[in-house]
Amino acid sequence: MSRDEEERTGCFSLEELLQQSKRDQRKLVATLTCLSGRSMGKVYKLAGSMIIGRSELANVQVEDDGISRKHAEIVELDGTYILRDLGSTNGTVCNGVRLTDPITLRDGDRIRLGPNSALRFDYADEVEEQMQSKLYDMATRDPLTGAYNRRFFHDRLGSEWAWAIRHRRPCTLVAMDIDHFKRVNDTYGHQAGDEVLKGVVAVVYRTIRKEDLFARVGGEEFILLARATSLGEGVVLAERVRTAMEHNVFKFGPSIIPVTISLGVATSSDPSIETPDHLMMRADEWLYAAKQNGRNRVEHEQK
């Protein structure tokens, strides 16, 4: 029986059945690992029915251009995983063959979605899956606060800039700096300063949207990238973050530490901004203006 016939009928050889039995004994989990694109290295644990696509509602969100909002689906059936295309614009390819019918996935299968994104299907035990996820976080996240790191942010900024140009939609940057952070360290100690940094990130994540990208780019410096966001919308977002920070209670032991932030906002729709680096420079300029004008405020270009 050919592989295509096996995939359609769900039949497996004795060797494959033995491998399945071993997987069951080892309590393996099915995973998808991103091999390319903006989420390269990210690992998704599969369970039940999982939609893959650009939509915010997708279980496996792949944001690259060329991916449909609901591109493909993986469904678990009695311990096996079935992949099917959902009528995507650019199709779903498994091991070099474009899908016309659902297929049964096997360990190591490679899936391509659109021109830029590739995924690998694997069975891994829970320790391996956790290790892969940990390695991805170590490569992309700041170890203290959990915000994305500077390198990851710069990689994403370039692709987001290209997306904004192609779709003729603005992207907006909000540069942030904790006011008088050195005073916090000098007064309460560096451990308190670390707790403030973690608290600031927690407040921001409670305030921003899921699709917004937030990163720590310096000691007490952070930056927020908001896709498809105008200058006016970015200013509203920045003010919401500023107000949430001002009203949050930061505690360290018996001490209550007052914390405020200054913010600068710039947008790609500004005709004087021509590159992603220029966009960052302009956001930093407005952040500097906020600090010079009294701190705990939002500054931006006046239209």
C-alpha atoms as a PDB file:
ATOM      1  CA  MET A   1       0.000   0.000   0.000  1.00  0.00           C
ATOM      2  CA  SER A   2       1.362   3.423  -0.952  1.00  0.00           C
ATOM      3  CA  ARG A   3       1.878   6.185   1.603  1.00  0.00           C
ATOM      4  CA  ASP A   4      -0.937   8.215   0.047  1.00  0.00           C
ATOM      5  CA  GLU A   5      -3.263   5.245   0.462  1.00  0.00           C
ATOM      6  CA  GLU A   6      -2.096   4.747   4.038  1.00  0.00           C
ATOM      7  CA  GLU A   7      -2.722   8.398   4.836  1.00  0.00           C
ATOM      8  CA  ARG A   8      -6.246   8.288   3.414  1.00  0.00           C
ATOM      9  CA  THR A   9      -7.212   5.033   5.102  1.00  0.00           C
ATOM     10  CA  GLY A  10      -5.304   5.559   8.354  1.00  0.00           C
ATOM     11  CA  CYS A  11      -3.477   2.201   7.938  1.00  0.00           C
ATOM     12  CA  PHE A  12       0.024   1.800   9.353  1.00  0.00           C
ATOM     13  CA  SER A  13       2.736  -0.818   9.158  1.00  0.00           C
ATOM     14  CA  LEU A  14       3.681  -3.005  12.131  1.00  0.00           C
ATOM     15  CA  GLU A  15       6.813  -0.918  12.637  1.00  0.00           C
ATOM     16  CA  GLU A  16       4.765   2.273  12.790  1.00  0.00           C
ATOM     17  CA  LEU A  17       2.309   0.692  15.228  1.00  0.00           C
ATOM     18  CA  LEU A  18       5.215  -0.287  17.465  1.00  0.00           C
ATOM     19  CA  GLN A  19       6.561   3.260  17.294  1.00  0.00           C
ATOM     20  CA  GLN A  20       3.116   4.561  18.241  1.00  0.00           C
ATOM     21  CA  SER A  21       3.065   2.172  21.218  1.00  0.00           C
ATOM     22  CA  LYS A  22       6.463   3.439  22.360  1.00  0.00           C
ATOM     23  CA  ARG A  23       5.236   7.011  22.089  1.00  0.00           C
ATOM     24  CA  ASP A  24       2.243   6.161  24.260  1.00  0.00           C
ATOM     25  CA  GLN A  25       4.507   4.549  26.884  1.00  0.00           C
ATOM     26  CA  ARG A  26       6.797   7.591  26.963  1.00  0.00           C
ATOM     27  CA  LYS A  27       3.829   9.981  27.259  1.00  0.00           C
ATOM     28  CA  LEU A  28       4.940  11.963  24.256  1.00  0.00           C
ATOM     29  CA  VAL A  29       3.215  15.139  23.157  1.00  0.00           C
ATOM     30  CA  ALA A  30       2.748  16.326  19.591  1.00  0.00           C
ATOM     31  CA  THR A  31       4.388  19.640  18.747  1.00  0.00           C
ATOM     32  CA  LEU A  32       4.814  22.081  15.886  1.00  0.00           C
ATOM     33  CA  THR A  33       8.124  23.931  15.662  1.00  0.00           C
ATOM     34  CA  CYS A  34       8.460  27.036  13.499  1.00  0.00           C
ATOM     35  CA  LEU A  35      11.491  26.577  11.240  1.00  0.00           C
ATOM     36  CA  SER A  36      11.362  29.960   9.511  1.00  0.00           C
ATOM     37  CA  GLY A  37       9.515  33.235   9.476  1.00  0.00           C
ATOM     38  CA  ARG A  38       8.983  35.703  12.299  1.00  0.00           C
ATOM     39  CA  SER A  39       8.338  33.022  14.933  1.00  0.00           C
ATOM     40  CA  MET A  40      11.339  30.843  14.066  1.00  0.00           C
ATOM     41  CA  GLY A  41      12.136  28.477  16.936  1.00  0.00           C
ATOM     42  CA  LYS A  42       8.763  28.797  18.644  1.00  0.00           C
ATOM     43  CA  VAL A  43       7.183  25.519  19.742  1.00  0.00           C
ATOM     44  CA  TYR A  44       3.423  24.839  19.935  1.00  0.00           C
ATOM     45  CA  LYS A  45       1.978  21.889  21.842  1.00  0.00           C
ATOM     46  CA  LEU A  46      -0.873  20.290  19.909  1.00  0.00           C
ATOM     47  CA  ALA A  47      -4.136  19.042  21.365  1.00  0.00           C
ATOM     48  CA  GLY A  48      -7.648  18.617  20.016  1.00  0.00           C
ATOM     49  CA  SER A  49      -8.377  20.814  17.012  1.00  0.00           C
ATOM     50  CA  MET A  50      -5.774  23.488  16.242  1.00  0.00           C
ATOM     51  CA  ILE A  51      -6.243  26.227  13.643  1.00  0.00           C
ATOM     52  CA  ILE A  52      -3.074  27.585  11.996  1.00  0.00           C
ATOM     53  CA  GLY A  53      -3.189  31.071  10.475  1.00  0.00           C
ATOM     54  CA  ARG A  54      -2.766  34.835  10.810  1.00  0.00           C
ATOM     55  CA  SER A  55      -5.962  35.362  12.782  1.00  0.00           C
ATOM     56  CA  GLU A  56      -5.665  36.397  16.410  1.00  0.00           C
ATOM     57  CA  LEU A  57      -8.109  33.555  17.112  1.00  0.00           C
ATOM     58  CA  ALA A  58      -5.800  30.935  15.557  1.00  0.00           C
ATOM     59  CA  ASN A  59      -4.333  28.432  18.027  1.00  0.00           C
ATOM     60  CA  VAL A  60      -1.033  28.495  16.122  1.00  0.00           C
ATOM     61  CA  GLN A  61      -0.646  32.108  15.035  1.00  0.00           C
ATOM     62  CA  VAL A  62       1.689  32.577  12.068  1.00  0.00           C
ATOM     63  CA  GLU A  63       1.886  36.253  11.176  1.00  0.00           C
ATOM     64  CA  ASP A  64       3.930  36.111   7.978  1.00  0.00           C
ATOM     65  CA  ASP A  65       2.569  37.518   4.740  1.00  0.00           C
ATOM     66  CA  GLY A  66       1.198  34.839   2.442  1.00  0.00           C
ATOM     67  CA  ILE A  67      -0.597  33.105   5.298  1.00  0.00           C
ATOM     68  CA  SER A  68      -4.402  33.110   5.285  1.00  0.00           C
ATOM     69  CA  ARG A  69      -6.299  34.093   8.419  1.00  0.00           C
ATOM     70  CA  LYS A  70      -7.407  30.463   8.802  1.00  0.00           C
ATOM     71  CA  HIS A  71      -4.855  28.626   6.702  1.00  0.00           C
ATOM     72  CA  ALA A  72      -4.838  25.005   7.880  1.00  0.00           C
ATOM     73  CA  GLU A  73      -6.077  22.775  10.683  1.00  0.00           C
ATOM     74  CA  ILE A  74      -4.576  19.894  12.657  1.00  0.00           C
ATOM     75  CA  VAL A  75      -7.086  17.597  14.342  1.00  0.00           C
ATOM     76  CA  GLU A  76      -6.257  14.877  16.878  1.00  0.00           C
ATOM     77  CA  LEU A  77      -8.058  11.569  16.300  1.00  0.00           C
ATOM     78  CA  ASP A  78      -7.307   8.742  18.732  1.00  0.00           C
ATOM     79  CA  GLY A  79      -3.682   9.763  19.183  1.00  0.00           C
ATOM     80  CA  THR A  80      -2.969  10.542  15.534  1.00  0.00           C
ATOM     81  CA  TYR A  81      -2.934  14.006  13.984  1.00  0.00           C
ATOM     82  CA  ILE A  82      -4.655  14.884  10.718  1.00  0.00           C
ATOM     83  CA  LEU A  83      -3.573  17.931   8.687  1.00  0.00           C
ATOM     84  CA  ARG A  84      -5.906  19.607   6.220  1.00  0.00           C
ATOM     85  CA  ASP A  85      -5.851  22.839   4.262  1.00  0.00           C
ATOM     86  CA  LEU A  86      -8.714  25.269   4.938  1.00  0.00           C
ATOM     87  CA  GLY A  87      -8.967  26.683   1.433  1.00  0.00           C
ATOM     88  CA  SER A  88      -5.952  28.947   1.922  1.00  0.00           C
ATOM     89  CA  THR A  89      -4.849  31.307  -0.820  1.00  0.00           C
ATOM     90  CA  ASN A  90      -1.322  29.913  -1.154  1.00  0.00           C
ATOM     91  CA  GLY A  91      -1.965  26.333  -0.116  1.00  0.00           C
ATOM     92  CA  THR A  92      -0.474  23.944   2.438  1.00  0.00           C
ATOM     93  CA  VAL A  93       2.481  21.736   1.487  1.00  0.00           C
ATOM     94  CA  CYS A  94       3.657  18.677   3.451  1.00  0.00           C
ATOM     95  CA  ASN A  95       7.042  17.166   2.578  1.00  0.00           C
ATOM     96  CA  GLY A  96       7.007  18.926  -0.780  1.00  0.00           C
ATOM     97  CA  VAL A  97       3.497  17.809  -1.793  1.00  0.00           C
ATOM     98  CA  ARG A  98       0.621  20.285  -1.890  1.00  0.00           C
ATOM     99  CA  LEU A  99      -2.403  19.046   0.040  1.00  0.00           C
ATOM    100  CA  THR A 100      -5.607  18.285  -1.801  1.00  0.00           C
ATOM    101  CA  ASP A 101      -6.967  15.915   0.861  1.00  0.00           C
ATOM    102  CA  PRO A 102      -6.355  15.568   4.617  1.00  0.00           C
ATOM    103  CA  ILE A 103      -3.265  13.527   5.544  1.00  0.00           C
ATOM    104  CA  THR A 104      -2.021  11.806   8.681  1.00  0.00           C
ATOM    105  CA  LEU A 105       1.068  13.490  10.068  1.00  0.00           C
ATOM    106  CA  ARG A 106       4.164  11.505  10.985  1.00  0.00           C
ATOM    107  CA  ASP A 107       7.109  12.309  13.207  1.00  0.00           C
ATOM    108  CA  GLY A 108       9.430  14.753  11.433  1.00  0.00           C
ATOM    109  CA  ASP A 109       6.982  15.854   8.721  1.00  0.00           C
ATOM    110  CA  ARG A 110       7.674  19.326   7.366  1.00  0.00           C
ATOM    111  CA  ILE A 111       4.814  21.671   6.574  1.00  0.00           C
ATOM    112  CA  ARG A 112       5.083  24.801   4.449  1.00  0.00           C
ATOM    113  CA  LEU A 113       2.484  27.568   4.616  1.00  0.00           C
ATOM    114  CA  GLY A 114       2.816  30.216   1.955  1.00  0.00           C
ATOM    115  CA  PRO A 115       6.215  31.309   0.614  1.00  0.00           C
ATOM    116  CA  ASN A 116       8.016  32.078   3.890  1.00  0.00           C
ATOM    117  CA  SER A 117       6.823  29.895   6.754  1.00  0.00           C
ATOM    118  CA  ALA A 118       7.833  26.311   7.493  1.00  0.00           C
ATOM    119  CA  LEU A 119       6.819  24.104  10.430  1.00  0.00           C
ATOM    120  CA  ARG A 120       7.974  20.702  11.658  1.00  0.00           C
ATOM    121  CA  PHE A 121       5.648  18.161  13.254  1.00  0.00           C
ATOM    122  CA  ASP A 122       7.269  16.093  16.009  1.00  0.00           C
ATOM    123  CA  TYR A 123       6.487  13.768  18.863  1.00  0.00           C
ATOM    124  CA  ALA A 124       8.503  14.806  21.911  1.00  0.00           C
ATOM    125  CA  ASP A 125       8.335  13.855  25.550  1.00  0.00           C
ATOM    126  CA  GLU A 126       7.280  16.559  27.963  1.00  0.00           C
ATOM    127  CA  VAL A 127      10.854  17.281  29.061  1.00  0.00           C
ATOM    128  CA  GLU A 128      11.962  17.779  25.459  1.00  0.00           C
ATOM    129  CA  GLU A 129       8.967  19.991  24.710  1.00  0.00           C
ATOM    130  CA  GLN A 130       9.622  22.126  27.777  1.00  0.00           C
ATOM    131  CA  MET A 131      13.300  22.369  26.889  1.00  0.00           C
ATOM    132  CA  GLN A 132      12.513  23.534  23.338  1.00  0.00           C
ATOM    133  CA  SER A 133      10.123  26.157  24.660  1.00  0.00           C
ATOM    134  CA  LYS A 134      12.700  27.273  27.220  1.00  0.00           C
ATOM    135  CA  LEU A 135      15.390  27.631  24.558  1.00  0.00           C
ATOM    136  CA  TYR A 136      13.074  29.786  22.465  1.00  0.00           C
ATOM    137  CA  ASP A 137      12.296  32.007  25.448  1.00  0.00           C
ATOM    138  CA  MET A 138      15.997  32.297  26.286  1.00  0.00           C
ATOM    139  CA  ALA A 139      16.737  33.439  22.734  1.00  0.00           C
ATOM    140  CA  THR A 140      13.934  35.996  22.534  1.00  0.00           C
ATOM    141  CA  ARG A 141      13.052  37.137  26.070  1.00  0.00           C
ATOM    142  CA  ASP A 142      14.731  39.311  28.664  1.00  0.00           C
ATOM    143  CA  PRO A 143      15.535  36.903  31.519  1.00  0.00           C
ATOM    144  CA  LEU A 144      14.566  39.308  34.314  1.00  0.00           C
ATOM    145  CA  THR A 145      11.288  40.782  33.126  1.00  0.00           C
ATOM    146  CA  GLY A 146       9.992  38.370  30.495  1.00  0.00           C
ATOM    147  CA  ALA A 147       9.612  41.151  27.915  1.00  0.00           C
ATOM    148  CA  TYR A 148      11.094  40.500  24.489  1.00  0.00           C
ATOM    149  CA  ASN A 149      14.779  41.370  24.181  1.00  0.00           C
ATOM    150  CA  ARG A 150      16.414  44.020  21.997  1.00  0.00           C
ATOM    151  CA  ARG A 151      17.610  41.597  19.325  1.00  0.00           C
ATOM    152  CA  PHE A 152      14.193  40.034  18.830  1.00  0.00           C
ATOM    153  CA  PHE A 153      12.583  43.463  18.692  1.00  0.00           C
ATOM    154  CA  HIS A 154      14.952  44.708  15.998  1.00  0.00           C
ATOM    155  CA  ASP A 155      14.333  41.568  13.925  1.00  0.00           C
ATOM    156  CA  ARG A 156      10.584  42.080  14.160  1.00  0.00           C
ATOM    157  CA  LEU A 157      10.730  45.834  13.547  1.00  0.00           C
ATOM    158  CA  GLY A 158      12.163  45.294  10.067  1.00  0.00           C
ATOM    159  CA  SER A 159       9.428  42.840   9.093  1.00  0.00           C
ATOM    160  CA  GLU A 160       6.693  45.016  10.613  1.00  0.00           C
ATOM    161  CA  TRP A 161       7.985  48.013   8.656  1.00  0.00           C
ATOM    162  CA  ALA A 162       7.806  45.976   5.450  1.00  0.00           C
ATOM    163  CA  TRP A 163       4.258  44.840   6.364  1.00  0.00           C
ATOM    164  CA  ALA A 164       3.174  48.447   6.945  1.00  0.00           C
ATOM    165  CA  ILE A 165       4.487  49.508   3.531  1.00  0.00           C
ATOM    166  CA  ARG A 166       2.905  46.591   1.666  1.00  0.00           C
ATOM    167  CA  HIS A 167      -0.479  47.024   3.308  1.00  0.00           C
ATOM    168  CA  ARG A 168      -0.347  50.830   3.451  1.00  0.00           C
ATOM    169  CA  ARG A 169      -1.089  50.762   7.166  1.00  0.00           C
ATOM    170  CA  PRO A 170       0.944  52.632   9.786  1.00  0.00           C
ATOM    171  CA  CYS A 171       2.927  51.091  12.596  1.00  0.00           C
ATOM    172  CA  THR A 172       3.621  53.154  15.686  1.00  0.00           C
ATOM    173  CA  LEU A 173       6.453  53.020  18.199  1.00  0.00           C
ATOM    174  CA  VAL A 174       6.161  54.086  21.828  1.00  0.00           C
ATOM    175  CA  ALA A 175       9.518  54.546  23.568  1.00  0.00           C
ATOM    176  CA  MET A 176       9.347  54.384  27.385  1.00  0.00           C
ATOM    177  CA  ASP A 177      11.724  55.162  30.224  1.00  0.00           C
ATOM    178  CA  ILE A 178      11.181  54.746  33.977  1.00  0.00           C
ATOM    179  CA  ASP A 179      11.484  58.140  35.647  1.00  0.00           C
ATOM    180  CA  HIS A 180      14.361  58.532  38.116  1.00  0.00           C
ATOM    181  CA  PHE A 181      15.119  54.813  38.153  1.00  0.00           C
ATOM    182  CA  LYS A 182      18.607  55.399  39.564  1.00  0.00           C
ATOM    183  CA  ARG A 183      16.948  57.018  42.571  1.00  0.00           C
ATOM    184  CA  VAL A 184      14.937  53.820  43.116  1.00  0.00           C
ATOM    185  CA  ASN A 185      18.125  51.725  43.148  1.00  0.00           C
ATOM    186  CA  ASP A 186      19.962  54.186  45.393  1.00  0.00           C
ATOM    187  CA  THR A 187      17.093  54.511  47.863  1.00  0.00           C
ATOM    188  CA  TYR A 188      15.666  50.985  48.035  1.00  0.00           C
ATOM    189  CA  GLY A 189      18.476  48.807  46.642  1.00  0.00           C
ATOM    190  CA  HIS A 190      19.026  46.943  43.392  1.00  0.00           C
ATOM    191  CA  GLN A 191      16.746  44.072  44.385  1.00  0.00           C
ATOM    192  CA  ALA A 192      13.916  46.567  44.728  1.00  0.00           C
ATOM    193  CA  GLY A 193      14.907  47.998  41.349  1.00  0.00           C
ATOM    194  CA  ASP A 194      14.600  44.555  39.788  1.00  0.00           C
ATOM    195  CA  GLU A 195      11.144  44.140  41.283  1.00  0.00           C
ATOM    196  CA  VAL A 196      10.124  47.518  39.884  1.00  0.00           C
ATOM    197  CA  LEU A 197      11.328  46.500  36.412  1.00  0.00           C
ATOM    198  CA  LYS A 198       9.277  43.315  36.588  1.00  0.00           C
ATOM    199  CA  GLY A 199       6.285  45.238  37.899  1.00  0.00           C
ATOM    200  CA  VAL A 200       6.497  47.800  35.100  1.00  0.00           C
ATOM    201  CA  VAL A 201       6.447  45.029  32.490  1.00  0.00           C
ATOM    202  CA  ALA A 202       3.468  43.385  34.183  1.00  0.00           C
ATOM    203  CA  VAL A 203       1.524  46.667  34.104  1.00  0.00           C
ATOM    204  CA  VAL A 204       2.299  47.212  30.426  1.00  0.00           C
ATOM    205  CA  TYR A 205       1.228  43.685  29.473  1.00  0.00           C
ATOM    206  CA  ARG A 206      -2.073  44.193  31.296  1.00  0.00           C
ATOM    207  CA  THR A 207      -2.653  47.379  29.314  1.00  0.00           C
ATOM    208  CA  ILE A 208      -1.620  46.623  25.717  1.00  0.00           C
ATOM    209  CA  ARG A 209      -3.190  44.398  23.062  1.00  0.00           C
ATOM    210  CA  LYS A 210      -2.141  40.816  22.391  1.00  0.00           C
ATOM    211  CA  GLU A 211      -0.733  41.749  18.984  1.00  0.00           C
ATOM    212  CA  ASP A 212       1.426  44.595  20.332  1.00  0.00           C
ATOM    213  CA  LEU A 213       5.148  43.828  20.631  1.00  0.00           C
ATOM    214  CA  PHE A 214       6.806  44.965  23.863  1.00  0.00           C
ATOM    215  CA  ALA A 215      10.541  44.757  24.545  1.00  0.00           C
ATOM    216  CA  ARG A 216      13.174  45.815  27.044  1.00  0.00           C
ATOM    217  CA  VAL A 217      15.919  47.555  25.069  1.00  0.00           C
ATOM    218  CA  GLY A 218      18.044  48.948  27.893  1.00  0.00           C
ATOM    219  CA  GLY A 219      18.390  49.091  31.671  1.00  0.00           C
ATOM    220  CA  GLU A 220      15.130  50.946  32.362  1.00  0.00           C
ATOM    221  CA  GLU A 221      14.249  51.544  28.711  1.00  0.00           C
ATOM    222  CA  PHE A 222      11.393  49.799  26.910  1.00  0.00           C
ATOM    223  CA  ILE A 223       9.731  50.064  23.536  1.00  0.00           C
ATOM    224  CA  LEU A 224       6.302  49.137  22.259  1.00  0.00           C
ATOM    225  CA  LEU A 225       5.450  48.410  18.628  1.00  0.00           C
ATOM    226  CA  ALA A 226       1.771  48.722  17.709  1.00  0.00           C
ATOM    227  CA  ARG A 227       0.796  47.333  14.296  1.00  0.00           C
ATOM    228  CA  ALA A 228      -1.812  49.103  12.143  1.00  0.00           C
ATOM    229  CA  THR A 229      -1.940  51.976  14.632  1.00  0.00           C
ATOM    230  CA  SER A 230      -2.106  55.662  13.711  1.00  0.00           C
ATOM    231  CA  LEU A 231      -0.324  58.417  15.603  1.00  0.00           C
ATOM    232  CA  GLY A 232      -3.540  59.412  17.363  1.00  0.00           C
ATOM    233  CA  GLU A 233      -4.264  55.836  18.383  1.00  0.00           C
ATOM    234  CA  GLY A 234      -0.663  55.418  19.517  1.00  0.00           C
ATOM    235  CA  VAL A 235      -0.905  58.508  21.716  1.00  0.00           C
ATOM    236  CA  VAL A 236      -4.086  57.155  23.314  1.00  0.00           C
ATOM    237  CA  LEU A 237      -2.324  53.840  23.949  1.00  0.00           C
ATOM    238  CA  ALA A 238       0.726  55.576  25.434  1.00  0.00           C
ATOM    239  CA  GLU A 239      -1.435  57.694  27.715  1.00  0.00           C
ATOM    240  CA  ARG A 240      -3.300  54.590  28.877  1.00  0.00           C
ATOM    241  CA  VAL A 241       0.023  52.938  29.780  1.00  0.00           C
ATOM    242  CA  ARG A 242       1.260  56.089  31.534  1.00  0.00           C
ATOM    243  CA  THR A 243      -1.912  56.388  33.608  1.00  0.00           C
ATOM    244  CA  ALA A 244      -1.904  52.695  34.547  1.00  0.00           C
ATOM    245  CA  MET A 245       1.703  53.006  35.725  1.00  0.00           C
ATOM    246  CA  GLU A 246       1.023  56.144  37.770  1.00  0.00           C
ATOM    247  CA  HIS A 247      -1.909  54.491  39.550  1.00  0.00           C
ATOM    248  CA  ASN A 248      -0.234  51.131  40.164  1.00  0.00           C
ATOM    249  CA  VAL A 249       1.063  50.451  43.679  1.00  0.00           C
ATOM    250  CA  PHE A 250       4.639  49.134  43.646  1.00  0.00           C
ATOM    251  CA  LYS A 251       5.600  47.476  46.927  1.00  0.00           C
ATOM    252  CA  PHE A 252       8.923  46.136  48.126  1.00  0.00           C
ATOM    253  CA  GLY A 253       8.825  44.798  51.672  1.00  0.00           C
ATOM    254  CA  PRO A 254       7.250  47.506  53.827  1.00  0.00           C
ATOM    255  CA  SER A 255       8.037  50.213  51.267  1.00  0.00           C
ATOM    256  CA  ILE A 256       5.695  51.649  48.650  1.00  0.00           C
ATOM    257  CA  ILE A 257       7.767  52.898  45.704  1.00  0.00           C
ATOM    258  CA  PRO A 258       6.319  55.672  43.515  1.00  0.00           C
ATOM    259  CA  VAL A 259       6.875  54.832  39.852  1.00  0.00           C
ATOM    260  CA  THR A 260       6.081  56.882  36.765  1.00  0.00           C
ATOM    261  CA  ILE A 261       7.237  56.669  33.151  1.00  0.00           C
ATOM    262  CA  SER A 262       7.903  59.072  30.299  1.00  0.00           C
ATOM    263  CA  LEU A 263       6.900  58.151  26.759  1.00  0.00           C
ATOM    264  CA  GLY A 264       7.609  59.282  23.210  1.00  0.00           C
ATOM    265  CA  VAL A 265       5.421  58.328  20.228  1.00  0.00           C
ATOM    266  CA  ALA A 266       6.329  58.196  16.519  1.00  0.00           C
ATOM    267  CA  THR A 267       4.607  56.626  13.517  1.00  0.00           C
ATOM    268  CA  SER A 268       5.685  55.260  10.146  1.00  0.00           C
ATOM    269  CA  SER A 269       3.081  57.435   8.411  1.00  0.00           C
ATOM    270  CA  ASP A 270       5.224  60.502   9.155  1.00  0.00           C
ATOM    271  CA  PRO A 271       6.576  61.438   5.684  1.00  0.00           C
ATOM    272  CA  SER A 272       9.903  62.518   7.187  1.00  0.00           C
ATOM    273  CA  ILE A 273      10.539  58.981   8.507  1.00  0.00           C
ATOM    274  CA  GLU A 274      12.069  56.745   5.840  1.00  0.00           C
ATOM    275  CA  THR A 275      13.541  53.708   7.634  1.00  0.00           C
ATOM    276  CA  PRO A 276      12.852  51.555  10.732  1.00  0.00           C
ATOM    277  CA  ASP A 277      15.970  52.960  12.420  1.00  0.00           C
ATOM    278  CA  HIS A 278      14.731  56.475  11.741  1.00  0.00           C
ATOM    279  CA  LEU A 279      11.400  55.552  13.323  1.00  0.00           C
ATOM    280  CA  MET A 280      13.194  54.408  16.483  1.00  0.00           C
ATOM    281  CA  MET A 281      15.294  57.582  16.544  1.00  0.00           C
ATOM    282  CA  ARG A 282      12.194  59.753  16.272  1.00  0.00           C
ATOM    283  CA  ALA A 283      10.432  57.889  19.107  1.00  0.00           C
ATOM    284  CA  ASP A 284      13.572  58.352  21.232  1.00  0.00           C
ATOM    285  CA  GLU A 285      13.597  62.077  20.415  1.00  0.00           C
ATOM    286  CA  TRP A 286      10.046  62.445  21.660  1.00  0.00           C
ATOM    287  CA  LEU A 287      10.905  60.389  24.761  1.00  0.00           C
ATOM    288  CA  TYR A 288      13.766  62.790  25.463  1.00  0.00           C
ATOM    289  CA  ALA A 289      11.336  65.700  25.066  1.00  0.00           C
ATOM    290  CA  ALA A 290       8.988  64.086  27.617  1.00  0.00           C
ATOM    291  CA  LYS A 291      11.835  63.813  30.113  1.00  0.00           C
ATOM    292  CA  GLN A 292      12.952  67.378  29.476  1.00  0.00           C
ATOM    293  CA  ASN A 293       9.423  68.707  29.885  1.00  0.00           C
ATOM    294  CA  GLY A 294       8.884  67.325  33.378  1.00  0.00           C
ATOM    295  CA  ARG A 295       8.610  63.508  33.005  1.00  0.00           C
ATOM    296  CA  ASN A 296       5.501  61.381  33.606  1.00  0.00           C
ATOM    297  CA  ARG A 297       4.111  62.550  30.290  1.00  0.00           C
ATOM    298  CA  VAL A 298       3.603  61.577  26.641  1.00  0.00           C
ATOM    299  CA  GLU A 299       5.221  63.600  23.860  1.00  0.00           C
ATOM    300  CA  HIS A 300       4.658  63.314  20.111  1.00  0.00           C
ATOM    301  CA  GLU A 301       4.544  65.303  16.911  1.00  0.00           C
ATOM    302  CA  GLN A 302       1.733  67.826  16.895  1.00  0.00           C
ATOM    303  CA  LYS A 303      -0.455  67.659  13.807  1.00  0.00           C
END
